C-alpha atoms as a PDB file:
ATOM      1  CA  MET A   1     -11.214  -9.636  -7.727  1.00  0.00           C
ATOM      2  CA  GLY A   2     -10.982  -9.644 -11.483  1.00  0.00           C
ATOM      3  CA  LYS A   3     -11.392  -5.864 -11.787  1.00  0.00           C
ATOM      4  CA  GLU A   4      -9.086  -4.081 -14.215  1.00  0.00           C
ATOM      5  CA  TYR A   5      -7.344  -0.766 -13.631  1.00  0.00           C
ATOM      6  CA  ASP A   6      -5.006   1.493 -15.590  1.00  0.00           C
ATOM      7  CA  VAL A   7      -1.974   2.125 -13.386  1.00  0.00           C
ATOM      8  CA  THR A   8       1.574   3.427 -13.409  1.00  0.00           C
ATOM      9  CA  ILE A   9       4.200   1.325 -11.632  1.00  0.00           C
ATOM     10  CA  THR A  10       5.805   3.720  -9.152  1.00  0.00           C
ATOM     11  CA  GLU A  11       8.468   1.501  -7.581  1.00  0.00           C
ATOM     12  CA  ILE A  12       9.806  -2.052  -7.292  1.00  0.00           C
ATOM     13  CA  SER A  13       9.321  -4.245  -4.211  1.00  0.00           C
ATOM     14  CA  ARG A  14      12.079  -6.182  -2.467  1.00  0.00           C
ATOM     15  CA  ARG A  15      10.794  -9.322  -4.224  1.00  0.00           C
ATOM     16  CA  GLY A  16      11.158  -7.596  -7.612  1.00  0.00           C
ATOM     17  CA  ASP A  17       7.459  -7.047  -8.285  1.00  0.00           C
ATOM     18  CA  GLY A  18       6.212  -3.716  -9.554  1.00  0.00           C
ATOM     19  CA  ILE A  19       4.180  -1.613  -7.119  1.00  0.00           C
ATOM     20  CA  ALA A  20       1.169   0.454  -8.131  1.00  0.00           C
ATOM     21  CA  LYS A  21      -1.227   2.287  -5.845  1.00  0.00           C
ATOM     22  CA  ILE A  22      -4.961   2.671  -6.330  1.00  0.00           C
ATOM     23  CA  GLU A  23      -6.509   5.126  -3.862  1.00  0.00           C
ATOM     24  CA  GLY A  24      -3.617   4.394  -1.476  1.00  0.00           C
ATOM     25  CA  PHE A  25      -4.075   0.606  -1.734  1.00  0.00           C
ATOM     26  CA  ILE A  26      -0.864  -1.207  -2.749  1.00  0.00           C
ATOM     27  CA  ILE A  27      -0.982  -3.545  -5.736  1.00  0.00           C
ATOM     28  CA  PHE A  28       1.976  -5.874  -6.432  1.00  0.00           C
ATOM     29  CA  VAL A  29       2.354  -6.571 -10.153  1.00  0.00           C
ATOM     30  CA  ALA A  30       4.706  -9.404 -11.162  1.00  0.00           C
ATOM     31  CA  GLY A  31       7.022  -8.633 -14.070  1.00  0.00           C
ATOM     32  CA  ALA A  32       6.276  -4.910 -14.131  1.00  0.00           C
ATOM     33  CA  LYS A  33       9.004  -2.292 -14.436  1.00  0.00           C
ATOM     34  CA  GLU A  34       9.246   1.059 -12.661  1.00  0.00           C
ATOM     35  CA  GLY A  35       7.614   3.844 -14.681  1.00  0.00           C
ATOM     36  CA  GLN A  36       5.620   1.384 -16.804  1.00  0.00           C
ATOM     37  CA  LYS A  37       1.998   2.226 -17.584  1.00  0.00           C
ATOM     38  CA  ALA A  38      -0.249  -0.789 -17.888  1.00  0.00           C
ATOM     39  CA  ARG A  39      -3.759  -2.149 -17.514  1.00  0.00           C
ATOM     40  CA  ILE A  40      -3.757  -4.709 -14.716  1.00  0.00           C
ATOM     41  CA  LYS A  41      -6.236  -7.272 -13.495  1.00  0.00           C
ATOM     42  CA  ILE A  42      -6.547  -7.937  -9.754  1.00  0.00           C
ATOM     43  CA  THR A  43      -5.853 -11.615  -9.024  1.00  0.00           C
ATOM     44  CA  GLN A  44      -5.745 -11.700  -5.221  1.00  0.00           C
ATOM     45  CA  VAL A  45      -6.830  -9.281  -2.488  1.00  0.00           C
ATOM     46  CA  GLY A  46      -5.467  -9.201   1.067  1.00  0.00           C
ATOM     47  CA  ASN A  47      -6.085  -6.916   4.036  1.00  0.00           C
ATOM     48  CA  ARG A  48      -3.560  -4.229   3.116  1.00  0.00           C
ATOM     49  CA  SER A  49      -2.481  -5.087  -0.415  1.00  0.00           C
ATOM     50  CA  ALA A  50      -3.449  -6.967  -3.550  1.00  0.00           C
ATOM     51  CA  ASN A  51      -1.752  -8.827  -6.377  1.00  0.00           C
ATOM     52  CA  GLY A  52      -2.349  -8.125 -10.019  1.00  0.00           C
ATOM     53  CA  GLN A  53      -1.164  -9.190 -13.425  1.00  0.00           C
ATOM     54  CA  ILE A  54      -0.556  -7.145 -16.544  1.00  0.00           C
ATOM     55  CA  VAL A  55      -3.353  -7.453 -19.074  1.00  0.00           C
ATOM     56  CA  GLU A  56      -2.082  -4.867 -21.525  1.00  0.00           C
ATOM     57  CA  THR A  57       0.925  -2.571 -21.635  1.00  0.00           C
ATOM     58  CA  ALA A  58       0.266   1.022 -22.621  1.00  0.00           C
ATOM     59  CA  GLU A  59       2.116   2.266 -25.673  1.00  0.00           C
ATOM     60  CA  LYS A  60       4.692   4.922 -24.918  1.00  0.00           C
ATOM     61  CA  GLU A  61       3.653   8.335 -26.165  1.00  0.00           C
ATOM     62  CA  GLU A  62       6.572  10.157 -27.717  1.00  0.00           C
END
């Protein structure tokens, strides 16, 4: 717990949380939007998934 990762939110869960995957492991990120790139911090780890929070949102490159 407490590790940070750079992720892309690939979809939205039924509860409305963003979903990112790290090496096939599902991370639920509250308040994230689909397609968003962000640095997240893991706050809770379960058997098949984890919860994270956004630490920093990546700037869009245009």
